[in-house]
Amino acid sequence: MLAQIKKMNNSVFFTINYFIYTITQSVFLCIINYIMKKNLLLLLTITILFSFITPPSEAGIFDATRATISQSREINTKFKAIRNLLAKQNLFCNKKDFEGLSSLYKEDFINNDGFSKDVYFKLIKDTWKSYPDITYTTEIKSINITNNYATVETYEQAIATSKETLGEIEIIGELHGFAHSVYYLEKIGQNWKITSENVIEEKTILSYGDARYLQINLNAPELVGAGKEYTSNLTVEAPYDSVVVASIGKEKITYPQSRSDEVYRKLPENNTLERIFKANSDNTNEYNIASVGITRAEIPDESDPQSIKVYMSGIAFVMSRVNVIPVNKFVKPEVNDEQKDK
């Protein structure tokens, strides 16, 4: 019984409280609605005024954001223009458009071999004449821009064919070239121009006949000091039924190009020929050049062993660039007093 009364009292107490809460809430809402309706026009006016007022701190943020967006657009525009320049370069090379290609280079262009624009383009013209079907591909690795100057790192490849007469036989040759280069650009007016080229790594192989199917590698350092010794080695995947003779020489990168004397040697059993060179002291870059000849023998008439016929079935020429660090004659080591006494 007591429990029931207590429960009922709680229910009555809850009902009364809820009734008071409901009345109070209704009165309060009526008062709020009255105030809101009365001051609605004032509130709207204040809101509109504040929408046109930007706090100084927020104005600075907006200005900085607008400046960042503007700079980003400018950089993107420069990147696009530089990519278009390299695309045009590749297009003009493949179309053999001499004038179009020349228009992309600044008149005082010079590369890391010391070749001027005139010499550089003479070499290009000679290459196109020797290999009319040569095709180029360029892969851009990176672009760095500083105001109106830029550097573009690229990987470039070239492929061509060649026909030569070897004895009484016409043989087909294949040219494969690779270069890792950095181009230096300058924005002049609204256009970007190529001002210089630094060839970091360069390898070329021209192979004929059976040499086209062999793995031939010429390994030489990419960079050496002037007058310093370095080692160059040639490896050839020689066929078991042939005799391979080869030579390794070096030539300074000049124009016109000079040729070094070749001394052919039979390839050792380990299929590797090695030679030690001393870099020139003329502060001129070099090429290591290897020549490879593949000879075979056959007996046309098995009844006559002396009818053996020896012939050359393939030949290859491999070239690898060696950049030479020039000697700075104005660098003199300091000598302390102890060393002077000695």
C-alpha atoms as a PDB file:
ATOM      1  CA  MET A   1       0.000   0.000   0.000  1.00  0.00           C
ATOM      2  CA  LEU A   2       2.641   2.495   0.995  1.00  0.00           C
ATOM      3  CA  ALA A   3       4.507   1.610  -2.073  1.00  0.00           C
ATOM      4  CA  GLN A   4       1.474   2.318  -4.207  1.00  0.00           C
ATOM      5  CA  ILE A   5       0.885   5.687  -2.552  1.00  0.00           C
ATOM      6  CA  LYS A   6       4.483   6.690  -3.013  1.00  0.00           C
ATOM      7  CA  LYS A   7       4.293   5.706  -6.669  1.00  0.00           C
ATOM      8  CA  MET A   8       1.094   7.689  -7.134  1.00  0.00           C
ATOM      9  CA  ASN A   9       2.572  10.740  -5.361  1.00  0.00           C
ATOM     10  CA  ASN A  10       5.514  10.580  -7.658  1.00  0.00           C
ATOM     11  CA  SER A  11       3.204  10.462 -10.645  1.00  0.00           C
ATOM     12  CA  VAL A  12       1.181  13.415  -9.418  1.00  0.00           C
ATOM     13  CA  PHE A  13       4.332  15.357  -8.605  1.00  0.00           C
ATOM     14  CA  PHE A  14       5.719  14.578 -12.079  1.00  0.00           C
ATOM     15  CA  THR A  15       2.482  15.641 -13.774  1.00  0.00           C
ATOM     16  CA  ILE A  16       2.342  18.948 -11.884  1.00  0.00           C
ATOM     17  CA  ASN A  17       5.985  19.689 -12.689  1.00  0.00           C
ATOM     18  CA  TYR A  18       5.467  18.836 -16.345  1.00  0.00           C
ATOM     19  CA  PHE A  19       2.396  21.112 -16.458  1.00  0.00           C
ATOM     20  CA  ILE A  20       4.342  24.012 -14.935  1.00  0.00           C
ATOM     21  CA  TYR A  21       7.281  23.374 -17.305  1.00  0.00           C
ATOM     22  CA  THR A  22       4.973  23.349 -20.334  1.00  0.00           C
ATOM     23  CA  ILE A  23       3.259  26.606 -19.340  1.00  0.00           C
ATOM     24  CA  THR A  24       6.587  28.276 -18.585  1.00  0.00           C
ATOM     25  CA  GLN A  25       8.063  27.146 -21.894  1.00  0.00           C
ATOM     26  CA  SER A  26       5.051  28.395 -23.834  1.00  0.00           C
ATOM     27  CA  VAL A  27       5.178  31.790 -22.159  1.00  0.00           C
ATOM     28  CA  PHE A  28       8.908  32.048 -22.762  1.00  0.00           C
ATOM     29  CA  LEU A  29       8.542  31.161 -26.448  1.00  0.00           C
ATOM     30  CA  CYS A  30       5.797  33.738 -26.846  1.00  0.00           C
ATOM     31  CA  ILE A  31       8.036  36.405 -25.359  1.00  0.00           C
ATOM     32  CA  ILE A  32      10.944  35.388 -27.610  1.00  0.00           C
ATOM     33  CA  ASN A  33       8.753  35.361 -30.711  1.00  0.00           C
ATOM     34  CA  TYR A  34       7.492  38.831 -29.863  1.00  0.00           C
ATOM     35  CA  ILE A  35      10.990  40.175 -29.444  1.00  0.00           C
ATOM     36  CA  MET A  36      12.243  38.480 -32.627  1.00  0.00           C
ATOM     37  CA  LYS A  37       9.355  39.777 -34.705  1.00  0.00           C
ATOM     38  CA  LYS A  38       9.781  43.251 -33.340  1.00  0.00           C
ATOM     39  CA  ASN A  39      13.519  43.367 -34.014  1.00  0.00           C
ATOM     40  CA  LEU A  40      13.660  41.248 -37.177  1.00  0.00           C
ATOM     41  CA  LEU A  41      14.315  44.232 -39.440  1.00  0.00           C
ATOM     42  CA  LEU A  42      17.130  45.433 -37.184  1.00  0.00           C
ATOM     43  CA  LEU A  43      18.788  42.004 -37.123  1.00  0.00           C
ATOM     44  CA  LEU A  44      18.629  41.639 -40.890  1.00  0.00           C
ATOM     45  CA  THR A  45      20.161  45.092 -41.378  1.00  0.00           C
ATOM     46  CA  ILE A  46      23.065  44.307 -39.023  1.00  0.00           C
ATOM     47  CA  THR A  47      23.689  40.962 -40.744  1.00  0.00           C
ATOM     48  CA  ILE A  48      23.846  42.569 -44.189  1.00  0.00           C
ATOM     49  CA  LEU A  49      26.231  45.267 -42.951  1.00  0.00           C
ATOM     50  CA  PHE A  50      28.579  42.729 -41.375  1.00  0.00           C
ATOM     51  CA  SER A  51      28.640  40.668 -44.573  1.00  0.00           C
ATOM     52  CA  PHE A  52      30.409  43.570 -46.303  1.00  0.00           C
ATOM     53  CA  ILE A  53      32.946  44.087 -43.540  1.00  0.00           C
ATOM     54  CA  THR A  54      36.053  41.811 -43.528  1.00  0.00           C
ATOM     55  CA  PRO A  55      38.225  41.801 -40.411  1.00  0.00           C
ATOM     56  CA  PRO A  56      41.820  42.876 -41.130  1.00  0.00           C
ATOM     57  CA  SER A  57      43.218  39.464 -40.171  1.00  0.00           C
ATOM     58  CA  GLU A  58      40.897  37.661 -42.574  1.00  0.00           C
ATOM     59  CA  ALA A  59      41.713  40.174 -45.339  1.00  0.00           C
ATOM     60  CA  GLY A  60      45.399  39.291 -44.972  1.00  0.00           C
ATOM     61  CA  ILE A  61      44.632  35.582 -45.261  1.00  0.00           C
ATOM     62  CA  PHE A  62      42.529  36.155 -48.377  1.00  0.00           C
ATOM     63  CA  ASP A  63      45.254  38.307 -49.957  1.00  0.00           C
ATOM     64  CA  ALA A  64      47.885  35.661 -49.238  1.00  0.00           C
ATOM     65  CA  THR A  65      45.644  32.957 -50.671  1.00  0.00           C
ATOM     66  CA  ARG A  66      45.017  34.981 -53.809  1.00  0.00           C
ATOM     67  CA  ALA A  67      48.775  35.603 -54.178  1.00  0.00           C
ATOM     68  CA  THR A  68      49.518  31.887 -53.741  1.00  0.00           C
ATOM     69  CA  ILE A  69      46.929  30.954 -56.347  1.00  0.00           C
ATOM     70  CA  SER A  70      48.347  33.554 -58.734  1.00  0.00           C
ATOM     71  CA  GLN A  71      51.914  32.273 -58.237  1.00  0.00           C
ATOM     72  CA  SER A  72      50.747  28.690 -58.687  1.00  0.00           C
ATOM     73  CA  ARG A  73      49.060  29.585 -61.960  1.00  0.00           C
ATOM     74  CA  GLU A  74      52.195  31.383 -63.160  1.00  0.00           C
ATOM     75  CA  ILE A  75      54.408  28.397 -62.300  1.00  0.00           C
ATOM     76  CA  ASN A  76      52.001  25.989 -64.003  1.00  0.00           C
ATOM     77  CA  THR A  77      52.057  28.214 -67.081  1.00  0.00           C
ATOM     78  CA  LYS A  78      55.871  28.127 -67.114  1.00  0.00           C
ATOM     79  CA  PHE A  79      55.941  24.341 -66.672  1.00  0.00           C
ATOM     80  CA  LYS A  80      53.503  23.954 -69.562  1.00  0.00           C
ATOM     81  CA  ALA A  81      55.550  26.272 -71.792  1.00  0.00           C
ATOM     82  CA  ILE A  82      58.782  24.372 -71.026  1.00  0.00           C
ATOM     83  CA  ARG A  83      57.161  21.010 -71.709  1.00  0.00           C
ATOM     84  CA  ASN A  84      55.861  22.381 -74.997  1.00  0.00           C
ATOM     85  CA  LEU A  85      59.380  23.549 -75.876  1.00  0.00           C
ATOM     86  CA  LEU A  86      60.816  20.047 -75.316  1.00  0.00           C
ATOM     87  CA  ALA A  87      57.921  18.528 -77.246  1.00  0.00           C
ATOM     88  CA  LYS A  88      58.667  20.862 -80.175  1.00  0.00           C
ATOM     89  CA  GLN A  89      62.343  19.953 -79.980  1.00  0.00           C
ATOM     90  CA  ASN A  90      61.508  16.258 -80.268  1.00  0.00           C
ATOM     91  CA  LEU A  91      58.994  16.917 -83.060  1.00  0.00           C
ATOM     92  CA  PHE A  92      61.409  19.043 -85.126  1.00  0.00           C
ATOM     93  CA  CYS A  93      64.163  16.427 -84.705  1.00  0.00           C
ATOM     94  CA  ASN A  94      61.931  13.627 -85.979  1.00  0.00           C
ATOM     95  CA  LYS A  95      60.658  15.778 -88.887  1.00  0.00           C
ATOM     96  CA  LYS A  96      64.257  16.848 -89.670  1.00  0.00           C
ATOM     97  CA  ASP A  97      63.043  20.462 -89.469  1.00  0.00           C
ATOM     98  CA  PHE A  98      66.409  22.217 -89.240  1.00  0.00           C
ATOM     99  CA  GLU A  99      65.052  25.773 -89.117  1.00  0.00           C
ATOM    100  CA  GLY A 100      62.334  24.913 -86.627  1.00  0.00           C
ATOM    101  CA  LEU A 101      64.833  23.226 -84.310  1.00  0.00           C
ATOM    102  CA  SER A 102      67.281  26.109 -84.601  1.00  0.00           C
ATOM    103  CA  SER A 103      64.568  28.594 -83.548  1.00  0.00           C
ATOM    104  CA  LEU A 104      64.375  26.924 -80.119  1.00  0.00           C
ATOM    105  CA  TYR A 105      68.029  27.676 -79.320  1.00  0.00           C
ATOM    106  CA  LYS A 106      69.531  30.992 -78.271  1.00  0.00           C
ATOM    107  CA  GLU A 107      72.128  32.381 -80.679  1.00  0.00           C
ATOM    108  CA  ASP A 108      74.916  32.297 -78.070  1.00  0.00           C
ATOM    109  CA  PHE A 109      74.126  28.664 -77.157  1.00  0.00           C
ATOM    110  CA  ILE A 110      77.093  26.592 -75.987  1.00  0.00           C
ATOM    111  CA  ASN A 111      77.253  23.034 -74.627  1.00  0.00           C
ATOM    112  CA  ASN A 112      79.599  21.371 -72.143  1.00  0.00           C
ATOM    113  CA  ASP A 113      81.927  20.326 -74.970  1.00  0.00           C
ATOM    114  CA  GLY A 114      82.458  23.998 -75.840  1.00  0.00           C
ATOM    115  CA  PHE A 115      80.519  23.693 -79.108  1.00  0.00           C
ATOM    116  CA  SER A 116      78.797  26.849 -80.302  1.00  0.00           C
ATOM    117  CA  LYS A 117      75.343  26.802 -81.871  1.00  0.00           C
ATOM    118  CA  ASP A 118      76.894  26.792 -85.340  1.00  0.00           C
ATOM    119  CA  VAL A 119      79.095  23.736 -84.678  1.00  0.00           C
ATOM    120  CA  TYR A 120      76.338  21.988 -82.723  1.00  0.00           C
ATOM    121  CA  PHE A 121      73.900  22.254 -85.632  1.00  0.00           C
ATOM    122  CA  LYS A 122      76.511  21.193 -88.181  1.00  0.00           C
ATOM    123  CA  LEU A 123      76.837  17.950 -86.229  1.00  0.00           C
ATOM    124  CA  ILE A 124      73.050  17.559 -86.213  1.00  0.00           C
ATOM    125  CA  LYS A 125      72.908  18.085 -89.979  1.00  0.00           C
ATOM    126  CA  ASP A 126      75.699  15.505 -90.509  1.00  0.00           C
ATOM    127  CA  THR A 127      73.828  12.997 -88.326  1.00  0.00           C
ATOM    128  CA  TRP A 128      70.585  13.442 -90.277  1.00  0.00           C
ATOM    129  CA  LYS A 129      72.481  13.014 -93.539  1.00  0.00           C
ATOM    130  CA  SER A 130      74.130   9.787 -92.380  1.00  0.00           C
ATOM    131  CA  TYR A 131      70.954   8.369 -90.815  1.00  0.00           C
ATOM    132  CA  PRO A 132      67.881   9.706 -92.676  1.00  0.00           C
ATOM    133  CA  ASP A 133      65.465   7.490 -90.736  1.00  0.00           C
ATOM    134  CA  ILE A 134      66.759   8.339 -87.267  1.00  0.00           C
ATOM    135  CA  THR A 135      64.013   8.789 -84.663  1.00  0.00           C
ATOM    136  CA  TYR A 136      64.247  10.386 -81.231  1.00  0.00           C
ATOM    137  CA  THR A 137      62.341  10.018 -77.971  1.00  0.00           C
ATOM    138  CA  THR A 138      62.687  12.300 -74.949  1.00  0.00           C
ATOM    139  CA  GLU A 139      61.635  11.618 -71.375  1.00  0.00           C
ATOM    140  CA  ILE A 140      61.582  14.586 -69.009  1.00  0.00           C
ATOM    141  CA  LYS A 141      62.803  13.570 -65.545  1.00  0.00           C
ATOM    142  CA  SER A 142      62.578  16.929 -63.769  1.00  0.00           C
ATOM    143  CA  ILE A 143      62.018  20.650 -64.318  1.00  0.00           C
ATOM    144  CA  ASN A 144      63.370  23.321 -61.983  1.00  0.00           C
ATOM    145  CA  ILE A 145      62.383  26.960 -62.453  1.00  0.00           C
ATOM    146  CA  THR A 146      63.957  30.061 -60.898  1.00  0.00           C
ATOM    147  CA  ASN A 147      62.274  33.224 -62.163  1.00  0.00           C
ATOM    148  CA  ASN A 148      63.193  33.440 -65.871  1.00  0.00           C
ATOM    149  CA  TYR A 149      65.680  30.564 -65.807  1.00  0.00           C
ATOM    150  CA  ALA A 150      65.089  26.827 -65.787  1.00  0.00           C
ATOM    151  CA  THR A 151      66.875  23.479 -65.963  1.00  0.00           C
ATOM    152  CA  VAL A 152      65.366  20.381 -67.539  1.00  0.00           C
ATOM    153  CA  GLU A 153      66.790  16.913 -66.887  1.00  0.00           C
ATOM    154  CA  THR A 154      66.074  14.437 -69.684  1.00  0.00           C
ATOM    155  CA  TYR A 155      66.664  10.883 -70.851  1.00  0.00           C
ATOM    156  CA  GLU A 156      66.937  10.759 -74.643  1.00  0.00           C
ATOM    157  CA  GLN A 157      67.122   7.819 -77.020  1.00  0.00           C
ATOM    158  CA  ALA A 158      67.823   7.588 -80.736  1.00  0.00           C
ATOM    159  CA  ILE A 159      67.308   4.670 -83.136  1.00  0.00           C
ATOM    160  CA  ALA A 160      68.372   4.420 -86.775  1.00  0.00           C
ATOM    161  CA  THR A 161      69.399   1.969 -89.482  1.00  0.00           C
ATOM    162  CA  SER A 162      72.370   1.968 -91.833  1.00  0.00           C
ATOM    163  CA  LYS A 163      73.549   0.033 -94.878  1.00  0.00           C
ATOM    164  CA  GLU A 164      77.209  -0.646 -95.564  1.00  0.00           C
ATOM    165  CA  THR A 165      79.184  -2.891 -97.884  1.00  0.00           C
ATOM    166  CA  LEU A 166      81.455  -5.356 -96.130  1.00  0.00           C
ATOM    167  CA  GLY A 167      83.644  -7.016 -98.749  1.00  0.00           C
ATOM    168  CA  GLU A 168      81.191  -8.219-101.369  1.00  0.00           C
ATOM    169  CA  ILE A 169      78.210  -8.276 -99.020  1.00  0.00           C
ATOM    170  CA  GLU A 170      75.813  -5.469 -98.180  1.00  0.00           C
ATOM    171  CA  ILE A 171      75.045  -5.564 -94.495  1.00  0.00           C
ATOM    172  CA  ILE A 172      72.386  -3.854 -92.428  1.00  0.00           C
ATOM    173  CA  GLY A 173      73.370  -1.814 -89.401  1.00  0.00           C
ATOM    174  CA  GLU A 174      71.461  -0.602 -86.382  1.00  0.00           C
ATOM    175  CA  LEU A 175      72.211   2.506 -84.334  1.00  0.00           C
ATOM    176  CA  HIS A 176      71.089   2.807 -80.707  1.00  0.00           C
ATOM    177  CA  GLY A 177      71.948   5.912 -78.707  1.00  0.00           C
ATOM    178  CA  PHE A 178      71.205   7.027 -75.156  1.00  0.00           C
ATOM    179  CA  ALA A 179      71.936  10.325 -73.419  1.00  0.00           C
ATOM    180  CA  HIS A 180      71.275  11.649 -69.932  1.00  0.00           C
ATOM    181  CA  SER A 181      71.339  15.419 -70.264  1.00  0.00           C
ATOM    182  CA  VAL A 182      70.453  18.682 -68.559  1.00  0.00           C
ATOM    183  CA  TYR A 183      69.176  21.564 -70.666  1.00  0.00           C
ATOM    184  CA  TYR A 184      69.486  25.152 -69.459  1.00  0.00           C
ATOM    185  CA  LEU A 185      66.709  27.519 -70.484  1.00  0.00           C
ATOM    186  CA  GLU A 186      66.058  31.250 -70.327  1.00  0.00           C
ATOM    187  CA  LYS A 187      62.774  33.066 -70.816  1.00  0.00           C
ATOM    188  CA  ILE A 188      63.231  35.864 -73.336  1.00  0.00           C
ATOM    189  CA  GLY A 189      60.089  37.936 -73.760  1.00  0.00           C
ATOM    190  CA  GLN A 190      57.238  35.446 -73.956  1.00  0.00           C
ATOM    191  CA  ASN A 191      59.344  32.515 -75.198  1.00  0.00           C
ATOM    192  CA  TRP A 192      61.758  30.053 -73.599  1.00  0.00           C
ATOM    193  CA  LYS A 193      65.082  29.397 -75.357  1.00  0.00           C
ATOM    194  CA  ILE A 194      67.705  26.679 -74.855  1.00  0.00           C
ATOM    195  CA  THR A 195      70.933  28.379 -73.787  1.00  0.00           C
ATOM    196  CA  SER A 196      73.143  25.397 -72.946  1.00  0.00           C
ATOM    197  CA  GLU A 197      73.300  21.613 -72.661  1.00  0.00           C
ATOM    198  CA  ASN A 198      75.258  19.455 -70.227  1.00  0.00           C
ATOM    199  CA  VAL A 199      75.524  15.815 -71.321  1.00  0.00           C
ATOM    200  CA  ILE A 200      76.048  13.784 -68.150  1.00  0.00           C
ATOM    201  CA  GLU A 201      76.073  10.330 -69.707  1.00  0.00           C
ATOM    202  CA  GLU A 202      76.140   9.223 -73.326  1.00  0.00           C
ATOM    203  CA  LYS A 203      76.407   5.791 -74.928  1.00  0.00           C
ATOM    204  CA  THR A 204      76.048   4.817 -78.585  1.00  0.00           C
ATOM    205  CA  ILE A 205      76.394   1.500 -80.387  1.00  0.00           C
ATOM    206  CA  LEU A 206      76.389   0.917 -84.141  1.00  0.00           C
ATOM    207  CA  SER A 207      76.322  -2.773 -85.043  1.00  0.00           C
ATOM    208  CA  TYR A 208      76.234  -4.692 -88.330  1.00  0.00           C
ATOM    209  CA  GLY A 209      75.535  -8.295 -89.264  1.00  0.00           C
ATOM    210  CA  ASP A 210      75.818 -10.847 -86.469  1.00  0.00           C
ATOM    211  CA  ALA A 211      77.005  -8.160 -84.036  1.00  0.00           C
ATOM    212  CA  ARG A 212      73.420  -6.888 -83.872  1.00  0.00           C
ATOM    213  CA  TYR A 213      72.458  -9.952 -81.844  1.00  0.00           C
ATOM    214  CA  LEU A 214      75.302  -9.825 -79.330  1.00  0.00           C
ATOM    215  CA  GLN A 215      75.419  -8.202 -75.917  1.00  0.00           C
ATOM    216  CA  ILE A 216      78.250  -5.655 -76.112  1.00  0.00           C
ATOM    217  CA  ASN A 217      79.067  -3.283 -73.248  1.00  0.00           C
ATOM    218  CA  LEU A 218      81.742  -0.614 -72.951  1.00  0.00           C
ATOM    219  CA  ASN A 219      82.167   0.554 -69.367  1.00  0.00           C
ATOM    220  CA  ALA A 220      84.017   3.766 -68.596  1.00  0.00           C
ATOM    221  CA  PRO A 221      83.698   6.390 -65.830  1.00  0.00           C
ATOM    222  CA  GLU A 222      81.319   9.256 -66.539  1.00  0.00           C
ATOM    223  CA  LEU A 223      83.616  11.795 -64.890  1.00  0.00           C
ATOM    224  CA  VAL A 224      87.402  11.966 -64.346  1.00  0.00           C
ATOM    225  CA  GLY A 225      89.907  14.631 -63.401  1.00  0.00           C
ATOM    226  CA  ALA A 226      92.175  16.092 -66.076  1.00  0.00           C
ATOM    227  CA  GLY A 227      95.416  14.114 -66.311  1.00  0.00           C
ATOM    228  CA  LYS A 228      94.087  11.302 -64.087  1.00  0.00           C
ATOM    229  CA  GLU A 229      94.219   7.600 -64.954  1.00  0.00           C
ATOM    230  CA  TYR A 230      91.059   5.561 -65.418  1.00  0.00           C
ATOM    231  CA  THR A 231      90.107   2.075 -66.600  1.00  0.00           C
ATOM    232  CA  SER A 232      87.819   1.191 -69.482  1.00  0.00           C
ATOM    233  CA  ASN A 233      86.664  -2.349 -70.206  1.00  0.00           C
ATOM    234  CA  LEU A 234      84.771  -4.018 -73.035  1.00  0.00           C
ATOM    235  CA  THR A 235      82.683  -7.165 -72.597  1.00  0.00           C
ATOM    236  CA  VAL A 236      81.294  -9.137 -75.543  1.00  0.00           C
ATOM    237  CA  GLU A 237      78.931 -12.091 -75.472  1.00  0.00           C
ATOM    238  CA  ALA A 238      80.997 -13.960 -78.061  1.00  0.00           C
ATOM    239  CA  PRO A 239      79.502 -16.868 -80.043  1.00  0.00           C
ATOM    240  CA  TYR A 240      81.200 -20.218 -79.428  1.00  0.00           C
ATOM    241  CA  ASP A 241      81.827 -20.819 -83.149  1.00  0.00           C
ATOM    242  CA  SER A 242      83.537 -17.525 -83.891  1.00  0.00           C
ATOM    243  CA  VAL A 243      86.659 -15.557 -83.147  1.00  0.00           C
ATOM    244  CA  VAL A 244      86.211 -12.024 -81.800  1.00  0.00           C
ATOM    245  CA  VAL A 245      88.850  -9.321 -82.154  1.00  0.00           C
ATOM    246  CA  ALA A 246      88.440  -5.914 -80.544  1.00  0.00           C
ATOM    247  CA  SER A 247      90.156  -2.656 -79.693  1.00  0.00           C
ATOM    248  CA  ILE A 248      89.573   0.182 -77.226  1.00  0.00           C
ATOM    249  CA  GLY A 249      90.758   3.724 -77.826  1.00  0.00           C
ATOM    250  CA  LYS A 250      89.963   7.270 -76.742  1.00  0.00           C
ATOM    251  CA  GLU A 251      89.419  10.473 -78.635  1.00  0.00           C
ATOM    252  CA  LYS A 252      88.979  14.052 -77.491  1.00  0.00           C
ATOM    253  CA  ILE A 253      85.581  15.524 -78.347  1.00  0.00           C
ATOM    254  CA  THR A 254      86.554  18.130 -80.934  1.00  0.00           C
ATOM    255  CA  TYR A 255      85.283  19.432 -84.255  1.00  0.00           C
ATOM    256  CA  PRO A 256      86.225  18.164 -86.710  1.00  0.00           C
ATOM    257  CA  GLN A 257      86.648  14.842 -84.904  1.00  0.00           C
ATOM    258  CA  SER A 258      90.123  13.282 -84.907  1.00  0.00           C
ATOM    259  CA  ARG A 259      90.594   9.511 -85.079  1.00  0.00           C
ATOM    260  CA  SER A 260      92.916   7.531 -82.845  1.00  0.00           C
ATOM    261  CA  ASP A 261      94.962   4.537 -83.948  1.00  0.00           C
ATOM    262  CA  GLU A 262      93.300   1.158 -83.389  1.00  0.00           C
ATOM    263  CA  VAL A 263      95.157  -1.901 -82.159  1.00  0.00           C
ATOM    264  CA  TYR A 264      93.035  -5.048 -82.449  1.00  0.00           C
ATOM    265  CA  ARG A 265      93.457  -7.905 -80.007  1.00  0.00           C
ATOM    266  CA  LYS A 266      91.812 -11.296 -79.782  1.00  0.00           C
ATOM    267  CA  LEU A 267      89.164 -11.232 -77.081  1.00  0.00           C
ATOM    268  CA  PRO A 268      90.411 -13.160 -73.998  1.00  0.00           C
ATOM    269  CA  GLU A 269      88.619 -16.278 -72.789  1.00  0.00           C
ATOM    270  CA  ASN A 270      86.731 -14.278 -70.171  1.00  0.00           C
ATOM    271  CA  ASN A 271      85.252 -12.191 -73.031  1.00  0.00           C
ATOM    272  CA  THR A 272      86.561  -8.953 -71.483  1.00  0.00           C
ATOM    273  CA  LEU A 273      89.112  -6.547 -72.870  1.00  0.00           C
ATOM    274  CA  GLU A 274      90.501  -3.913 -70.514  1.00  0.00           C
ATOM    275  CA  ARG A 275      92.639  -0.853 -71.001  1.00  0.00           C
ATOM    276  CA  ILE A 276      94.017   1.929 -68.779  1.00  0.00           C
ATOM    277  CA  PHE A 277      93.913   5.493 -70.071  1.00  0.00           C
ATOM    278  CA  LYS A 278      95.169   8.826 -68.867  1.00  0.00           C
ATOM    279  CA  ALA A 279      92.675  11.648 -69.293  1.00  0.00           C
ATOM    280  CA  ASN A 280      93.887  14.570 -71.374  1.00  0.00           C
ATOM    281  CA  SER A 281      95.153  17.718 -69.657  1.00  0.00           C
ATOM    282  CA  ASP A 282      93.561  20.038 -72.218  1.00  0.00           C
ATOM    283  CA  ASN A 283      90.320  20.271 -70.219  1.00  0.00           C
ATOM    284  CA  THR A 284      88.464  18.571 -73.088  1.00  0.00           C
ATOM    285  CA  ASN A 285      85.838  15.854 -72.739  1.00  0.00           C
ATOM    286  CA  GLU A 286      86.596  12.464 -74.272  1.00  0.00           C
ATOM    287  CA  TYR A 287      84.993   9.499 -75.963  1.00  0.00           C
ATOM    288  CA  ASN A 288      86.055   5.932 -75.287  1.00  0.00           C
ATOM    289  CA  ILE A 289      85.521   4.059 -78.553  1.00  0.00           C
ATOM    290  CA  ALA A 290      85.612   0.294 -78.994  1.00  0.00           C
ATOM    291  CA  SER A 291      85.601  -1.629 -82.261  1.00  0.00           C
ATOM    292  CA  VAL A 292      84.513  -5.256 -82.366  1.00  0.00           C
ATOM    293  CA  GLY A 293      84.930  -7.688 -85.267  1.00  0.00           C
ATOM    294  CA  ILE A 294      83.376 -11.175 -85.461  1.00  0.00           C
ATOM    295  CA  THR A 295      85.036 -13.689 -87.778  1.00  0.00           C
ATOM    296  CA  ARG A 296      83.787 -17.108 -88.731  1.00  0.00           C
ATOM    297  CA  ALA A 297      85.271 -19.980 -90.734  1.00  0.00           C
ATOM    298  CA  GLU A 298      83.636 -22.529 -92.989  1.00  0.00           C
ATOM    299  CA  ILE A 299      84.808 -25.277 -95.313  1.00  0.00           C
ATOM    300  CA  PRO A 300      82.909 -25.097 -98.608  1.00  0.00           C
ATOM    301  CA  ASP A 301      84.319 -28.429 -99.784  1.00  0.00           C
ATOM    302  CA  GLU A 302      84.572 -30.987 -96.990  1.00  0.00           C
ATOM    303  CA  SER A 303      86.714 -33.203 -99.198  1.00  0.00           C
ATOM    304  CA  ASP A 304      89.320 -30.439 -99.335  1.00  0.00           C
ATOM    305  CA  PRO A 305      90.235 -29.204 -95.806  1.00  0.00           C
ATOM    306  CA  GLN A 306      92.409 -26.514 -97.314  1.00  0.00           C
ATOM    307  CA  SER A 307      89.381 -24.856 -98.877  1.00  0.00           C
ATOM    308  CA  ILE A 308      88.627 -23.182 -95.566  1.00  0.00           C
ATOM    309  CA  LYS A 309      87.058 -19.753 -95.935  1.00  0.00           C
ATOM    310  CA  VAL A 310      87.387 -17.108 -93.233  1.00  0.00           C
ATOM    311  CA  TYR A 311      85.043 -14.150 -93.336  1.00  0.00           C
ATOM    312  CA  MET A 312      83.817 -11.362 -91.085  1.00  0.00           C
ATOM    313  CA  SER A 313      80.198 -11.911 -90.111  1.00  0.00           C
ATOM    314  CA  GLY A 314      79.695  -8.824 -87.997  1.00  0.00           C
ATOM    315  CA  ILE A 315      81.214  -5.605 -86.757  1.00  0.00           C
ATOM    316  CA  ALA A 316      80.270  -3.100 -84.067  1.00  0.00           C
ATOM    317  CA  PHE A 317      81.395   0.287 -82.821  1.00  0.00           C
ATOM    318  CA  VAL A 318      80.644   1.332 -79.257  1.00  0.00           C
ATOM    319  CA  MET A 319      81.132   4.796 -77.821  1.00  0.00           C
ATOM    320  CA  SER A 320      80.966   5.999 -74.200  1.00  0.00           C
ATOM    321  CA  ARG A 321      81.389   9.587 -73.012  1.00  0.00           C
ATOM    322  CA  VAL A 322      83.961  10.527 -70.349  1.00  0.00           C
ATOM    323  CA  ASN A 323      83.583  14.079 -69.055  1.00  0.00           C
ATOM    324  CA  VAL A 324      86.867  15.613 -67.913  1.00  0.00           C
ATOM    325  CA  ILE A 325      86.950  17.955 -64.915  1.00  0.00           C
ATOM    326  CA  PRO A 326      89.205  20.885 -65.838  1.00  0.00           C
ATOM    327  CA  VAL A 327      92.162  21.852 -63.697  1.00  0.00           C
ATOM    328  CA  ASN A 328      91.602  25.063 -61.720  1.00  0.00           C
ATOM    329  CA  LYS A 329      95.036  26.689 -61.678  1.00  0.00           C
ATOM    330  CA  PHE A 330      93.862  29.355 -59.268  1.00  0.00           C
ATOM    331  CA  VAL A 331      93.312  26.917 -56.387  1.00  0.00           C
ATOM    332  CA  LYS A 332      96.425  26.842 -54.198  1.00  0.00           C
ATOM    333  CA  PRO A 333      96.562  24.856 -50.945  1.00  0.00           C
ATOM    334  CA  GLU A 334      97.568  26.812 -47.861  1.00  0.00           C
ATOM    335  CA  VAL A 335     100.941  25.963 -46.344  1.00  0.00           C
ATOM    336  CA  ASN A 336     101.311  26.344 -42.580  1.00  0.00           C
ATOM    337  CA  ASP A 337     104.511  27.305 -40.752  1.00  0.00           C
ATOM    338  CA  GLU A 338     105.415  23.723 -39.849  1.00  0.00           C
ATOM    339  CA  GLN A 339     105.276  22.675 -43.483  1.00  0.00           C
ATOM    340  CA  LYS A 340     107.365  25.683 -44.491  1.00  0.00           C
ATOM    341  CA  ASP A 341     110.091  24.685 -42.009  1.00  0.00           C
ATOM    342  CA  LYS A 342     110.268  21.240 -43.538  1.00  0.00           C
END
